[in-house]
Each structure stands twice: as C-alpha cells, then as structure tokens.
Amino acid sequence: MAREEISFRSGDTECAGWFYRPDGDAVPAACVVLAHGFGALKEARLDAYAERFAEAGHAALVFDYRHFGGSGGEPRQLIDISRQHDDWRAAIGHARGVAGVDPERIALWGSSFSGGHVVVIAAGDPRVAAVISQAPHQSGPSTLWGAGIANMLRLGVAGIRDQLGAALGREPYLIPIVGPPGTLAAMNSPDAEPGYSALYSPGFAWRNEFAARAGLRLGLYSPVRKARSVRCPLLVQVGTRDVVTPPEPARRAARKAPRGELKEYDAGHFDVYVGETFELVVADQLDFLARHLS
C-alpha cells in the first residue's frame, strides 16, 4: 500500500496525518479513521493497525490531534476533549472527500481515551458505518477510581494550578502522562510507563507531559452514556486485566449499543498494541470490518 503525508483544517490550524491507499483496484474503498489515546501520537503503533487495514483493502486515515505531534495549535500538549472531538469530525469530513473513498463507508477506530471519543462521535453522526473501541475509556469516575485516591488528589491539585495559571495568561503547568507507581502522572500503574514507552520506536522523541488542567475534566467524561445512541455496529475490545481503563464500563457500552459486540482478552491495557495480543485484537478488527464495510 502507499502512505501519503496529509493535513486537513480543524479550527484555526492544521492537523497532520497519514493516508493509506489500499492495494488493488477496488474503488470506492471503505476508509478507517484512526487517532490515539491520552497524549499519544500517531507514531505510537497506529501505523501497525493502518497497514493491516490497507492490506485488507480498506483505506486508512491516521491523524494527530491539535496541540500534539505534527499538528498545529498552541499551547502545546493541551488535551481538550471538545477540540479533540472537533478534530475527529474534521478528519471524517476530510476522509469523505478523498477521491476513491466511499463516503458512506467510513469506520472509526479509537483506543484508550479515543476509544471513548469514537463512541461520542458516532452517536452524533448517523453516517458512520462502523466503530472499533479498543481498551476504551468509557467512564470518568471508574478511570479515576482505578488510578487511586492519592493520584486523584494529586491530579486535582495540579489541574487547579494549571487552570488558574491559564486564567492569568501563564504557560501551561505540565505534568507527566505516565510515571512510576506513586508519582504524579495521568497513568502510574506498574505497566503504564514501560507499556506506553514501548509503543514508540527506539530513539523517537516523544514528550511525556500534558497540561494538567485536563485532569479536572477526566472524571466528568463518560462516553458510555452515549453508547445507546450509536446505531452502527460497535466492536468493543477489553483487556480483562486492564487497570488503566477498567473493563466493566466498556462491557456496559457494548451491552447498551443496539449493535454492540464485545470481545475480551486476557491482557492488560498496553498488551493490545504488541505481540500475540495485538495479533488477536487486529484479527478480530479485520473480521468486524469485513462483515460491516462490505
């Protein structure tokens, strides 16, 4: 397949991405739109998924949110849920306008934090043909509770400091995305720092920091509430040993969605991206897409 560097407009700046054209002459092709989770970039293994989709005959569009990676937007490292939703809508709109793409066969792929985003976006866009929600954040309270009371308090204090600073025109107060157990970070489970770091190729420069104000909104963000409004097929994939995004809210999302499907794996949060578990997960995704994008 061929991979092209692309960009598209979202808000007042550009989002950077990759577009994969499938081998073969099947046009118009279905297209899978992918973006990552909390603070992660497209270079964190999204190419591995997109390549598999393209090999199966689907186009794929991968993008970075504004404020991250190759995309524009200031301040840097800002996780804004509403803006990320707008980035998803802009990416879908761009995909629908690409020559050779069937605008009625657009699928969404999200993982971790974006595994919740895709549920929200599909609930508001009846043209979306299918959704994959992998190891997803579906309940703010459950995710925060899983992180532990001590980390909840630390994130709250850091978030207030950053939010007050923003009101005074100061630079963002940045804290780690991942860190060792017991440290201030969005994710500090034993598998968080090694698992997140392993998503990037050795030597790739990624920033382990985000504007702390996002922590104030995490507990209020529960995409599972929108699952009932997702009318297209929805594949929810959970790791039974996931301590970053606890699996029970994801199971509820699959049950609530009218066309929900649930797959479970004996895996932790970061296992789904690599090794044997990745192979199992992506095989189920390819089967799901074959059934619903044909």
C-alpha atoms as a PDB file:
ATOM      1  CA  MET A   1       0.000   0.000   0.000  1.00  0.00           C
ATOM      2  CA  ALA A   2       1.032   3.651  -0.396  1.00  0.00           C
ATOM      3  CA  ARG A   3       1.258   6.053   2.561  1.00  0.00           C
ATOM      4  CA  GLU A   4       0.886   9.780   1.969  1.00  0.00           C
ATOM      5  CA  GLU A   5       1.587  12.680   4.320  1.00  0.00           C
ATOM      6  CA  ILE A   6      -1.603  14.722   4.604  1.00  0.00           C
ATOM      7  CA  SER A   7      -3.051  17.655   6.509  1.00  0.00           C
ATOM      8  CA  PHE A   8      -6.552  18.987   6.987  1.00  0.00           C
ATOM      9  CA  ARG A   9      -8.088  22.019   8.633  1.00  0.00           C
ATOM     10  CA  SER A  10      -9.544  21.825  12.147  1.00  0.00           C
ATOM     11  CA  GLY A  11     -10.486  25.053  13.872  1.00  0.00           C
ATOM     12  CA  ASP A  12      -7.870  27.686  13.163  1.00  0.00           C
ATOM     13  CA  THR A  13      -4.975  25.361  12.303  1.00  0.00           C
ATOM     14  CA  GLU A  14      -3.967  22.134  10.558  1.00  0.00           C
ATOM     15  CA  CYS A  15      -3.962  18.529  11.744  1.00  0.00           C
ATOM     16  CA  ALA A  16      -1.176  16.345  10.384  1.00  0.00           C
ATOM     17  CA  GLY A  17      -1.755  12.791   9.348  1.00  0.00           C
ATOM     18  CA  TRP A  18      -1.091   9.831   7.105  1.00  0.00           C
ATOM     19  CA  PHE A  19      -3.365   8.441   4.434  1.00  0.00           C
ATOM     20  CA  TYR A  20      -3.003   4.806   3.362  1.00  0.00           C
ATOM     21  CA  ARG A  21      -4.309   3.733  -0.021  1.00  0.00           C
ATOM     22  CA  PRO A  22      -5.027   0.017  -0.295  1.00  0.00           C
ATOM     23  CA  ASP A  23      -3.530  -2.264  -2.899  1.00  0.00           C
ATOM     24  CA  GLY A  24      -5.791  -3.331  -5.726  1.00  0.00           C
ATOM     25  CA  ASP A  25      -8.397  -1.684  -7.903  1.00  0.00           C
ATOM     26  CA  ALA A  26     -11.407  -1.808  -5.587  1.00  0.00           C
ATOM     27  CA  VAL A  27     -12.862   1.696  -5.638  1.00  0.00           C
ATOM     28  CA  PRO A  28     -14.534   3.333  -3.985  1.00  0.00           C
ATOM     29  CA  ALA A  29     -12.913   1.891  -0.881  1.00  0.00           C
ATOM     30  CA  ALA A  30     -14.089   1.978   2.707  1.00  0.00           C
ATOM     31  CA  CYS A  31     -11.890   4.089   4.994  1.00  0.00           C
ATOM     32  CA  VAL A  32     -10.940   3.628   8.645  1.00  0.00           C
ATOM     33  CA  VAL A  33     -10.139   6.844  10.555  1.00  0.00           C
ATOM     34  CA  LEU A  34      -7.734   6.366  13.498  1.00  0.00           C
ATOM     35  CA  ALA A  35      -6.397   8.560  16.286  1.00  0.00           C
ATOM     36  CA  HIS A  36      -4.682   7.739  19.559  1.00  0.00           C
ATOM     37  CA  GLY A  37      -5.429   7.987  23.259  1.00  0.00           C
ATOM     38  CA  PHE A  38      -4.308  10.260  26.086  1.00  0.00           C
ATOM     39  CA  GLY A  39      -1.370  12.330  24.854  1.00  0.00           C
ATOM     40  CA  ALA A  40      -0.159   9.737  22.335  1.00  0.00           C
ATOM     41  CA  LEU A  41       0.944  10.371  18.765  1.00  0.00           C
ATOM     42  CA  LYS A  42       0.228   8.532  15.540  1.00  0.00           C
ATOM     43  CA  GLU A  43       3.765   7.122  15.673  1.00  0.00           C
ATOM     44  CA  ALA A  44       2.751   5.049  18.706  1.00  0.00           C
ATOM     45  CA  ARG A  45       1.856   1.924  16.712  1.00  0.00           C
ATOM     46  CA  LEU A  46      -1.088   3.357  14.761  1.00  0.00           C
ATOM     47  CA  ASP A  47       0.809   2.582  11.570  1.00  0.00           C
ATOM     48  CA  ALA A  48       0.707  -1.113  12.514  1.00  0.00           C
ATOM     49  CA  TYR A  49      -3.105  -1.073  12.525  1.00  0.00           C
ATOM     50  CA  ALA A  50      -3.456   1.122   9.439  1.00  0.00           C
ATOM     51  CA  GLU A  51      -1.146  -1.136   7.430  1.00  0.00           C
ATOM     52  CA  ARG A  52      -3.250  -4.182   8.295  1.00  0.00           C
ATOM     53  CA  PHE A  53      -6.425  -2.378   7.262  1.00  0.00           C
ATOM     54  CA  ALA A  54      -4.866  -1.286   3.956  1.00  0.00           C
ATOM     55  CA  GLU A  55      -3.636  -4.821   3.269  1.00  0.00           C
ATOM     56  CA  ALA A  56      -7.247  -5.954   3.685  1.00  0.00           C
ATOM     57  CA  GLY A  57      -8.429  -3.476   1.050  1.00  0.00           C
ATOM     58  CA  HIS A  58      -9.515  -0.541   3.206  1.00  0.00           C
ATOM     59  CA  ALA A  59      -8.133   2.966   3.056  1.00  0.00           C
ATOM     60  CA  ALA A  60      -6.952   4.375   6.394  1.00  0.00           C
ATOM     61  CA  LEU A  61      -6.518   7.917   7.684  1.00  0.00           C
ATOM     62  CA  VAL A  62      -4.381   8.410  10.806  1.00  0.00           C
ATOM     63  CA  PHE A  63      -4.028  11.818  12.462  1.00  0.00           C
ATOM     64  CA  ASP A  64      -2.588  13.724  15.411  1.00  0.00           C
ATOM     65  CA  TYR A  65      -4.834  15.990  17.457  1.00  0.00           C
ATOM     66  CA  ARG A  66      -4.226  19.695  17.517  1.00  0.00           C
ATOM     67  CA  HIS A  67      -1.583  20.692  20.091  1.00  0.00           C
ATOM     68  CA  PHE A  68       0.291  17.392  19.571  1.00  0.00           C
ATOM     69  CA  GLY A  69       2.872  15.885  17.248  1.00  0.00           C
ATOM     70  CA  GLY A  70       2.927  17.244  13.716  1.00  0.00           C
ATOM     71  CA  SER A  71      -0.336  19.147  14.111  1.00  0.00           C
ATOM     72  CA  GLY A  72      -0.604  22.851  14.835  1.00  0.00           C
ATOM     73  CA  GLY A  73      -2.160  24.512  17.847  1.00  0.00           C
ATOM     74  CA  GLU A  74      -0.909  26.436  20.852  1.00  0.00           C
ATOM     75  CA  PRO A  75      -0.239  25.839  23.661  1.00  0.00           C
ATOM     76  CA  ARG A  76       1.454  22.525  23.041  1.00  0.00           C
ATOM     77  CA  GLN A  77       0.488  19.356  24.927  1.00  0.00           C
ATOM     78  CA  LEU A  78      -3.060  20.573  25.585  1.00  0.00           C
ATOM     79  CA  ILE A  79      -5.655  17.780  25.865  1.00  0.00           C
ATOM     80  CA  ASP A  80      -9.007  19.435  25.235  1.00  0.00           C
ATOM     81  CA  ILE A  81     -11.867  16.947  24.856  1.00  0.00           C
ATOM     82  CA  SER A  82     -14.118  19.280  22.874  1.00  0.00           C
ATOM     83  CA  ARG A  83     -11.317  20.219  20.471  1.00  0.00           C
ATOM     84  CA  GLN A  84     -10.368  16.579  20.017  1.00  0.00           C
ATOM     85  CA  HIS A  85     -13.991  15.829  19.107  1.00  0.00           C
ATOM     86  CA  ASP A  86     -13.834  18.623  16.536  1.00  0.00           C
ATOM     87  CA  ASP A  87     -10.592  17.124  15.173  1.00  0.00           C
ATOM     88  CA  TRP A  88     -12.386  13.798  14.727  1.00  0.00           C
ATOM     89  CA  ARG A  89     -15.212  15.486  12.829  1.00  0.00           C
ATOM     90  CA  ALA A  90     -12.719  17.325  10.629  1.00  0.00           C
ATOM     91  CA  ALA A  91     -10.817  14.090   9.910  1.00  0.00           C
ATOM     92  CA  ILE A  92     -14.031  12.275   8.984  1.00  0.00           C
ATOM     93  CA  GLY A  93     -15.044  15.140   6.729  1.00  0.00           C
ATOM     94  CA  HIS A  94     -11.651  15.049   5.047  1.00  0.00           C
ATOM     95  CA  ALA A  95     -11.830  11.281   4.547  1.00  0.00           C
ATOM     96  CA  ARG A  96     -15.268  11.575   2.952  1.00  0.00           C
ATOM     97  CA  GLY A  97     -13.855  13.982   0.397  1.00  0.00           C
ATOM     98  CA  VAL A  98     -10.838  11.899  -0.660  1.00  0.00           C
ATOM     99  CA  ALA A  99     -11.034  10.618  -4.229  1.00  0.00           C
ATOM    100  CA  GLY A 100     -11.505   6.865  -4.247  1.00  0.00           C
ATOM    101  CA  VAL A 101     -13.117   6.712  -0.792  1.00  0.00           C
ATOM    102  CA  ASP A 102     -16.752   5.743  -0.339  1.00  0.00           C
ATOM    103  CA  PRO A 103     -18.128   8.490   1.950  1.00  0.00           C
ATOM    104  CA  GLU A 104     -20.835   6.137   3.243  1.00  0.00           C
ATOM    105  CA  ARG A 105     -18.337   3.505   4.398  1.00  0.00           C
ATOM    106  CA  ILE A 106     -16.326   5.384   6.995  1.00  0.00           C
ATOM    107  CA  ALA A 107     -15.317   3.442  10.118  1.00  0.00           C
ATOM    108  CA  LEU A 108     -13.851   4.924  13.289  1.00  0.00           C
ATOM    109  CA  TRP A 109     -11.033   3.327  15.301  1.00  0.00           C
ATOM    110  CA  GLY A 110     -10.179   4.568  18.779  1.00  0.00           C
ATOM    111  CA  SER A 111      -8.097   3.199  21.626  1.00  0.00           C
ATOM    112  CA  SER A 112      -7.930   4.103  25.317  1.00  0.00           C
ATOM    113  CA  PHE A 113      -9.041   7.758  25.594  1.00  0.00           C
ATOM    114  CA  SER A 114     -10.031   7.873  21.924  1.00  0.00           C
ATOM    115  CA  GLY A 115     -11.923   4.611  22.401  1.00  0.00           C
ATOM    116  CA  GLY A 116     -14.406   6.836  24.194  1.00  0.00           C
ATOM    117  CA  HIS A 117     -14.186   9.617  21.612  1.00  0.00           C
ATOM    118  CA  VAL A 118     -15.320   7.334  18.787  1.00  0.00           C
ATOM    119  CA  VAL A 119     -18.459   6.382  20.705  1.00  0.00           C
ATOM    120  CA  VAL A 120     -19.368  10.028  21.239  1.00  0.00           C
ATOM    121  CA  ILE A 121     -18.660  10.981  17.614  1.00  0.00           C
ATOM    122  CA  ALA A 122     -20.596   8.042  16.152  1.00  0.00           C
ATOM    123  CA  ALA A 123     -23.545   8.799  18.425  1.00  0.00           C
ATOM    124  CA  GLY A 124     -23.801  12.198  16.747  1.00  0.00           C
ATOM    125  CA  ASP A 125     -23.086  11.104  13.163  1.00  0.00           C
ATOM    126  CA  PRO A 126     -25.534   8.559  11.742  1.00  0.00           C
ATOM    127  CA  ARG A 127     -23.472   8.270   8.541  1.00  0.00           C
ATOM    128  CA  VAL A 128     -20.632   6.465  10.349  1.00  0.00           C
ATOM    129  CA  ALA A 129     -20.665   2.863   9.139  1.00  0.00           C
ATOM    130  CA  ALA A 130     -18.822   1.061  11.963  1.00  0.00           C
ATOM    131  CA  VAL A 131     -16.842   1.753  15.142  1.00  0.00           C
ATOM    132  CA  ILE A 132     -13.957  -0.036  16.870  1.00  0.00           C
ATOM    133  CA  SER A 133     -13.402   0.898  20.520  1.00  0.00           C
ATOM    134  CA  GLN A 134     -10.234  -0.763  21.857  1.00  0.00           C
ATOM    135  CA  ALA A 135      -9.340  -0.861  25.587  1.00  0.00           C
ATOM    136  CA  PRO A 136     -11.530   2.212  25.901  1.00  0.00           C
ATOM    137  CA  HIS A 137     -12.032   4.907  28.478  1.00  0.00           C
ATOM    138  CA  GLN A 138     -15.801   4.811  28.936  1.00  0.00           C
ATOM    139  CA  SER A 139     -16.356   6.143  32.462  1.00  0.00           C
ATOM    140  CA  GLY A 140     -14.574   9.084  34.057  1.00  0.00           C
ATOM    141  CA  PRO A 141     -15.311   8.073  37.648  1.00  0.00           C
ATOM    142  CA  SER A 142     -14.192   4.476  37.016  1.00  0.00           C
ATOM    143  CA  THR A 143     -10.931   5.546  35.406  1.00  0.00           C
ATOM    144  CA  LEU A 144     -10.120   7.981  38.215  1.00  0.00           C
ATOM    145  CA  TRP A 145     -11.090   5.488  40.904  1.00  0.00           C
ATOM    146  CA  GLY A 146      -8.881   2.888  39.255  1.00  0.00           C
ATOM    147  CA  ALA A 147      -5.961   5.319  39.485  1.00  0.00           C
ATOM    148  CA  GLY A 148      -6.372   5.502  43.261  1.00  0.00           C
ATOM    149  CA  ILE A 149      -7.448   8.235  45.652  1.00  0.00           C
ATOM    150  CA  ALA A 150      -3.933   9.595  46.163  1.00  0.00           C
ATOM    151  CA  ASN A 151      -3.376  10.102  42.444  1.00  0.00           C
ATOM    152  CA  MET A 152      -6.847  11.605  42.059  1.00  0.00           C
ATOM    153  CA  LEU A 153      -5.967  14.231  44.643  1.00  0.00           C
ATOM    154  CA  ARG A 154      -2.580  14.955  43.078  1.00  0.00           C
ATOM    155  CA  LEU A 155      -4.147  15.332  39.635  1.00  0.00           C
ATOM    156  CA  GLY A 156      -6.812  17.629  41.054  1.00  0.00           C
ATOM    157  CA  VAL A 157      -4.308  19.939  42.734  1.00  0.00           C
ATOM    158  CA  ALA A 158      -2.135  20.048  39.603  1.00  0.00           C
ATOM    159  CA  GLY A 159      -5.177  20.698  37.440  1.00  0.00           C
ATOM    160  CA  ILE A 160      -6.314  23.618  39.573  1.00  0.00           C
ATOM    161  CA  ARG A 161      -2.815  25.101  39.460  1.00  0.00           C
ATOM    162  CA  ASP A 162      -2.745  24.866  35.673  1.00  0.00           C
ATOM    163  CA  GLN A 163      -6.281  26.207  35.228  1.00  0.00           C
ATOM    164  CA  LEU A 164      -5.602  29.206  37.456  1.00  0.00           C
ATOM    165  CA  GLY A 165      -2.369  29.841  35.601  1.00  0.00           C
ATOM    166  CA  ALA A 166      -4.208  29.755  32.276  1.00  0.00           C
ATOM    167  CA  ALA A 167      -6.670  32.359  33.569  1.00  0.00           C
ATOM    168  CA  LEU A 168      -3.699  34.593  34.409  1.00  0.00           C
ATOM    169  CA  GLY A 169      -2.115  34.089  30.984  1.00  0.00           C
ATOM    170  CA  ARG A 170       0.708  31.840  32.164  1.00  0.00           C
ATOM    171  CA  GLU A 171       2.314  28.974  30.294  1.00  0.00           C
ATOM    172  CA  PRO A 172       0.718  25.562  30.942  1.00  0.00           C
ATOM    173  CA  TYR A 173       1.754  23.656  34.039  1.00  0.00           C
ATOM    174  CA  LEU A 174       2.883  20.356  32.512  1.00  0.00           C
ATOM    175  CA  ILE A 175       2.907  17.029  34.340  1.00  0.00           C
ATOM    176  CA  PRO A 176       3.839  13.507  33.115  1.00  0.00           C
ATOM    177  CA  ILE A 177       1.467  11.398  31.054  1.00  0.00           C
ATOM    178  CA  VAL A 178       2.985   8.237  32.546  1.00  0.00           C
ATOM    179  CA  GLY A 179       5.208   7.659  35.541  1.00  0.00           C
ATOM    180  CA  PRO A 180       6.269   5.067  38.118  1.00  0.00           C
ATOM    181  CA  PRO A 181       3.768   3.960  40.775  1.00  0.00           C
ATOM    182  CA  GLY A 182       3.243   6.578  43.451  1.00  0.00           C
ATOM    183  CA  THR A 183       4.355   9.529  41.303  1.00  0.00           C
ATOM    184  CA  LEU A 184       2.268  12.354  39.893  1.00  0.00           C
ATOM    185  CA  ALA A 185       1.169  11.271  36.406  1.00  0.00           C
ATOM    186  CA  ALA A 186      -2.047  10.698  34.484  1.00  0.00           C
ATOM    187  CA  MET A 187      -1.186   6.979  34.457  1.00  0.00           C
ATOM    188  CA  ASN A 188       1.083   5.470  37.107  1.00  0.00           C
ATOM    189  CA  SER A 189       0.100   1.807  37.255  1.00  0.00           C
ATOM    190  CA  PRO A 190       3.054  -0.611  37.207  1.00  0.00           C
ATOM    191  CA  ASP A 191       2.592  -1.250  33.486  1.00  0.00           C
ATOM    192  CA  ALA A 192       1.981   2.373  32.462  1.00  0.00           C
ATOM    193  CA  GLU A 193       5.467   3.802  31.956  1.00  0.00           C
ATOM    194  CA  PRO A 194       7.037   0.729  30.299  1.00  0.00           C
ATOM    195  CA  GLY A 195       3.910  -0.068  28.296  1.00  0.00           C
ATOM    196  CA  TYR A 196       3.389   3.456  26.975  1.00  0.00           C
ATOM    197  CA  SER A 197       7.074   3.935  26.159  1.00  0.00           C
ATOM    198  CA  ALA A 198       7.165   0.662  24.230  1.00  0.00           C
ATOM    199  CA  LEU A 199       4.621   1.986  21.742  1.00  0.00           C
ATOM    200  CA  TYR A 200       7.290   4.235  20.208  1.00  0.00           C
ATOM    201  CA  SER A 201      10.276   3.094  18.180  1.00  0.00           C
ATOM    202  CA  PRO A 202      13.640   3.375  19.967  1.00  0.00           C
ATOM    203  CA  GLY A 203      15.023   6.873  19.553  1.00  0.00           C
ATOM    204  CA  PHE A 204      11.721   8.502  18.643  1.00  0.00           C
ATOM    205  CA  ALA A 205      11.378  11.787  20.552  1.00  0.00           C
ATOM    206  CA  TRP A 206       8.007  11.966  22.273  1.00  0.00           C
ATOM    207  CA  ARG A 207       7.010  14.304  25.074  1.00  0.00           C
ATOM    208  CA  ASN A 208       5.901  12.682  28.315  1.00  0.00           C
ATOM    209  CA  GLU A 209       3.871  15.658  29.517  1.00  0.00           C
ATOM    210  CA  PHE A 210       0.478  17.298  29.226  1.00  0.00           C
ATOM    211  CA  ALA A 211      -1.237  20.429  30.506  1.00  0.00           C
ATOM    212  CA  ALA A 212      -2.543  19.391  33.918  1.00  0.00           C
ATOM    213  CA  ARG A 213      -5.937  21.104  33.513  1.00  0.00           C
ATOM    214  CA  ALA A 214      -7.115  18.038  31.570  1.00  0.00           C
ATOM    215  CA  GLY A 215      -7.186  16.122  34.848  1.00  0.00           C
ATOM    216  CA  LEU A 216     -10.055  18.311  36.064  1.00  0.00           C
ATOM    217  CA  ARG A 217     -12.264  17.135  33.212  1.00  0.00           C
ATOM    218  CA  LEU A 218     -11.355  13.471  33.068  1.00  0.00           C
ATOM    219  CA  GLY A 219     -13.776  12.460  35.813  1.00  0.00           C
ATOM    220  CA  LEU A 220     -16.672  14.186  34.040  1.00  0.00           C
ATOM    221  CA  TYR A 221     -16.113  12.442  30.718  1.00  0.00           C
ATOM    222  CA  SER A 222     -18.142   9.231  30.398  1.00  0.00           C
ATOM    223  CA  PRO A 223     -18.751   8.232  26.758  1.00  0.00           C
ATOM    224  CA  VAL A 224     -20.672   5.129  27.891  1.00  0.00           C
ATOM    225  CA  ARG A 225     -23.654   7.461  28.312  1.00  0.00           C
ATOM    226  CA  LYS A 226     -23.764   7.881  24.529  1.00  0.00           C
ATOM    227  CA  ALA A 227     -23.492   4.178  23.633  1.00  0.00           C
ATOM    228  CA  ARG A 228     -27.253   3.720  23.295  1.00  0.00           C
ATOM    229  CA  SER A 229     -27.252   6.325  20.512  1.00  0.00           C
ATOM    230  CA  VAL A 230     -24.633   4.536  18.371  1.00  0.00           C
ATOM    231  CA  ARG A 231     -26.736   2.978  15.619  1.00  0.00           C
ATOM    232  CA  CYS A 232     -23.951   1.434  13.566  1.00  0.00           C
ATOM    233  CA  PRO A 233     -22.098  -1.774  14.529  1.00  0.00           C
ATOM    234  CA  LEU A 234     -19.791  -1.157  17.506  1.00  0.00           C
ATOM    235  CA  LEU A 235     -16.928  -3.512  18.397  1.00  0.00           C
ATOM    236  CA  VAL A 236     -15.740  -3.081  21.989  1.00  0.00           C
ATOM    237  CA  GLN A 237     -12.488  -4.844  22.908  1.00  0.00           C
ATOM    238  CA  VAL A 238     -11.366  -5.055  26.525  1.00  0.00           C
ATOM    239  CA  GLY A 239      -8.445  -6.490  28.418  1.00  0.00           C
ATOM    240  CA  THR A 240      -9.659  -8.369  31.466  1.00  0.00           C
ATOM    241  CA  ARG A 241      -6.550  -7.272  33.409  1.00  0.00           C
ATOM    242  CA  ASP A 242      -6.754  -3.609  32.376  1.00  0.00           C
ATOM    243  CA  VAL A 243      -6.152  -1.332  35.387  1.00  0.00           C
ATOM    244  CA  VAL A 244      -5.854   1.901  33.358  1.00  0.00           C
ATOM    245  CA  THR A 245      -9.325   1.844  31.797  1.00  0.00           C
ATOM    246  CA  PRO A 246     -11.320  -0.656  33.881  1.00  0.00           C
ATOM    247  CA  PRO A 247     -13.230  -3.093  31.657  1.00  0.00           C
ATOM    248  CA  GLU A 248     -16.706  -3.020  33.231  1.00  0.00           C
ATOM    249  CA  PRO A 249     -17.795   0.361  31.745  1.00  0.00           C
ATOM    250  CA  ALA A 250     -16.669  -0.877  28.328  1.00  0.00           C
ATOM    251  CA  ARG A 251     -18.754  -4.002  28.767  1.00  0.00           C
ATOM    252  CA  ARG A 252     -21.725  -1.770  29.606  1.00  0.00           C
ATOM    253  CA  ALA A 253     -21.147   0.238  26.424  1.00  0.00           C
ATOM    254  CA  ALA A 254     -21.247  -2.945  24.337  1.00  0.00           C
ATOM    255  CA  ARG A 255     -24.474  -4.034  26.033  1.00  0.00           C
ATOM    256  CA  LYS A 256     -26.149  -0.647  25.645  1.00  0.00           C
ATOM    257  CA  ALA A 257     -25.287  -0.135  21.970  1.00  0.00           C
ATOM    258  CA  PRO A 258     -28.061  -1.536  19.735  1.00  0.00           C
ATOM    259  CA  ARG A 259     -25.487  -3.326  17.551  1.00  0.00           C
ATOM    260  CA  GLY A 260     -22.719  -3.730  20.096  1.00  0.00           C
ATOM    261  CA  GLU A 261     -20.238  -6.616  20.013  1.00  0.00           C
ATOM    262  CA  LEU A 262     -17.875  -7.447  22.878  1.00  0.00           C
ATOM    263  CA  LYS A 263     -14.513  -9.201  22.685  1.00  0.00           C
ATOM    264  CA  GLU A 264     -12.386  -9.887  25.772  1.00  0.00           C
ATOM    265  CA  TYR A 265      -8.703 -10.760  26.049  1.00  0.00           C
ATOM    266  CA  ASP A 266      -6.532 -11.954  28.911  1.00  0.00           C
ATOM    267  CA  ALA A 267      -4.478  -8.776  28.738  1.00  0.00           C
ATOM    268  CA  GLY A 268      -3.517  -5.534  30.399  1.00  0.00           C
ATOM    269  CA  HIS A 269      -4.087  -2.087  28.946  1.00  0.00           C
ATOM    270  CA  PHE A 270      -0.919  -1.876  26.848  1.00  0.00           C
ATOM    271  CA  ASP A 271      -0.788  -5.518  25.771  1.00  0.00           C
ATOM    272  CA  VAL A 272      -3.329  -4.935  22.986  1.00  0.00           C
ATOM    273  CA  TYR A 273      -0.765  -2.952  20.947  1.00  0.00           C
ATOM    274  CA  VAL A 274       2.010  -5.530  20.715  1.00  0.00           C
ATOM    275  CA  GLY A 275       2.846  -9.205  20.394  1.00  0.00           C
ATOM    276  CA  GLU A 276       0.361 -12.053  20.377  1.00  0.00           C
ATOM    277  CA  THR A 277      -2.445  -9.981  21.865  1.00  0.00           C
ATOM    278  CA  PHE A 278      -2.095  -7.414  19.083  1.00  0.00           C
ATOM    279  CA  GLU A 279      -2.442 -10.212  16.544  1.00  0.00           C
ATOM    280  CA  LEU A 280      -5.634 -11.458  18.217  1.00  0.00           C
ATOM    281  CA  VAL A 281      -7.078  -7.972  18.530  1.00  0.00           C
ATOM    282  CA  VAL A 282      -6.349  -6.891  14.966  1.00  0.00           C
ATOM    283  CA  ALA A 283      -7.669 -10.185  13.568  1.00  0.00           C
ATOM    284  CA  ASP A 284     -10.997  -9.523  15.295  1.00  0.00           C
ATOM    285  CA  GLN A 285     -10.978  -5.973  13.958  1.00  0.00           C
ATOM    286  CA  LEU A 286     -10.391  -7.173  10.402  1.00  0.00           C
ATOM    287  CA  ASP A 287     -13.213  -9.703  10.739  1.00  0.00           C
ATOM    288  CA  PHE A 288     -15.521  -6.986  12.084  1.00  0.00           C
ATOM    289  CA  LEU A 289     -14.661  -4.602   9.234  1.00  0.00           C
ATOM    290  CA  ALA A 290     -15.105  -7.337   6.613  1.00  0.00           C
ATOM    291  CA  ARG A 291     -18.596  -8.047   7.931  1.00  0.00           C
ATOM    292  CA  HIS A 292     -19.753  -4.444   8.187  1.00  0.00           C
ATOM    293  CA  LEU A 293     -17.945  -2.494   5.462  1.00  0.00           C
ATOM    294  CA  SER A 294     -18.606  -4.830   2.548  1.00  0.00           C
END
